[in-house]
Protein backbone atom coordinates (compact mmCIF):
# COMPACT_ATOMS: atom_id res chain seq x y z
CA MET A 1 13.16 -3.43 1.29
CA PHE A 2 13.74 0.39 2.31
CA GLU A 3 12.99 2.17 5.94
CA VAL A 4 11.92 5.45 6.34
CA ARG A 5 12.59 7.18 9.73
CA ILE A 6 10.08 10.28 10.50
CA PRO A 7 11.10 11.88 14.18
CA ALA A 8 8.08 12.45 16.28
CA HIS A 9 5.41 14.74 15.54
CA GLN A 10 6.77 15.53 12.15
CA THR A 11 5.81 14.08 8.66
CA ALA A 12 7.17 12.91 5.98
CA ASP A 13 7.11 11.62 2.26
CA VAL A 14 6.95 7.64 2.53
CA TRP A 15 7.25 6.51 -1.07
CA GLU A 16 6.81 8.66 -4.71
CA THR A 17 6.07 7.45 -7.99
CA TRP A 18 6.29 8.82 -11.95
CA ASN A 19 3.63 7.07 -13.65
CA VAL A 20 4.90 3.74 -12.54
CA LYS A 21 2.02 1.54 -10.50
CA GLY A 22 2.80 -0.44 -7.50
CA HIS A 23 1.87 -2.13 -4.53
CA LEU A 24 3.41 -0.90 -0.87
CA ALA A 25 3.47 -3.20 2.18
CA VAL A 26 4.55 -1.47 4.92
CA ARG A 27 5.93 -2.47 8.43
CA ILE A 28 5.72 0.18 11.19
CA ARG A 29 7.44 -0.03 14.37
CA THR A 30 7.83 2.76 17.36
CA ARG A 31 9.70 3.58 19.94
CA SER A 32 7.34 2.81 22.83
CA GLY A 33 6.35 -0.55 20.92
CA SER A 34 3.02 0.71 20.16
CA ASN A 35 3.62 0.55 16.40
CA ARG A 36 0.57 3.69 15.32
CA ILE A 37 1.11 6.07 13.23
CA PRO A 38 -1.97 8.90 13.16
CA ASP A 39 -2.51 9.29 9.83
CA VAL A 40 -1.23 8.26 6.07
CA TRP A 41 -2.59 9.89 3.12
CA TRP A 42 -1.63 9.84 -0.78
CA ILE A 43 -1.17 13.36 -2.25
CA LYS A 44 -2.06 13.01 -5.98
CA HIS A 45 -0.98 15.06 -8.54
CA GLY A 46 -3.06 15.78 -11.55
CA PHE A 47 -6.30 17.01 -10.03
CA GLY A 48 -4.24 17.89 -7.34
CA THR A 49 -6.75 15.47 -4.27
CA VAL A 50 -5.59 13.90 -1.64
CA ASP A 51 -6.72 10.53 -0.53
CA HIS A 52 -6.71 9.56 3.51
CA LEU A 53 -5.59 5.88 4.73
CA GLY A 54 -6.49 7.04 7.93
CA PRO A 55 -4.70 5.63 11.45
CA GLN A 56 -2.43 2.44 11.24
CA VAL A 57 -1.60 -0.07 13.51
CA ASP A 58 1.36 -2.61 13.03
CA HIS A 59 1.90 -2.78 9.29
CA PHE A 60 -0.86 -1.69 5.99
CA GLU A 61 -0.65 -2.23 2.37
CA THR A 62 -1.78 0.22 -0.78
CA ASP A 63 -1.44 0.57 -4.13
CA SER A 64 -0.15 3.73 -5.50
CA PRO A 65 -2.67 5.59 -6.93
CA ILE A 66 -1.05 6.03 -10.78
CA GLY A 67 -3.76 5.53 -13.73
CA TRP A 68 -5.85 7.16 -16.31
CA LEU A 69 -9.04 7.38 -14.93
CA PRO A 70 -8.69 9.49 -12.84
CA PRO A 71 -5.77 10.86 -14.68
CA VAL A 72 -3.24 10.70 -11.91
CA LEU A 73 0.58 10.82 -13.09
CA HIS A 74 2.43 11.58 -9.66
CA ALA A 75 1.94 10.51 -6.45
CA LYS A 76 3.22 10.56 -3.09
CA LEU A 77 2.59 8.75 0.66
CA ARG A 78 2.64 10.72 3.37
CA ALA A 79 2.80 10.22 6.67
CA ALA A 80 2.58 11.59 10.44
CA ALA A 81 3.79 10.16 13.59
CA ASP A 82 3.15 10.89 17.05
CA GLU A 83 6.75 9.38 18.05
CA ASP A 84 9.96 8.47 16.85
CA THR A 85 8.97 5.94 14.08
CA ILE A 86 10.43 3.62 10.94
CA LEU A 87 8.56 2.45 8.23
CA TYR A 88 9.94 -0.71 6.44
CA ILE A 89 8.81 -0.36 3.13
CA GLU A 90 8.50 -3.48 0.01
CA ILE A 91 7.46 -2.54 -3.03
CA ASN A 92 5.73 -5.09 -5.54
CA GLY A 93 6.89 -7.97 -3.01
CA ALA A 94 5.90 -9.59 -0.14
CA ALA A 95 5.22 -7.80 3.70
CA PRO A 96 8.08 -7.01 5.61
CA GLY A 97 8.33 -9.71 8.27
CA ALA A 98 7.07 -9.28 12.14
CA THR A 99 10.51 -10.15 13.40
CA LEU A 100 12.19 -7.54 12.09
CA THR A 101 15.59 -6.43 13.60
CA PHE A 102 15.88 -2.67 14.20
CA HIS A 103 18.11 0.09 16.25
CA TRP A 104 17.09 3.48 17.26
């Protein structure tokens, strides 16, 4: 498991993959406790398309969009934050526990 910190009113690349499929489980923690992010999206390189996953609360799961139809060899998962946010990410494993201990 690893963490990505996103400052308030910023976006960040959460995960990047080159020609490797994977399943991501993401736990969201915010300074206020709302545990909400306004938008998450995949940027897919090949045809240069974007897939919006929309707003997420507490946790979400997604599969990397790597594949041959349509051809996608490289992809980035990007997230936006309204407030200071920490994302805990597990790849190809169980979702991070709801009782994570963290410090700002």
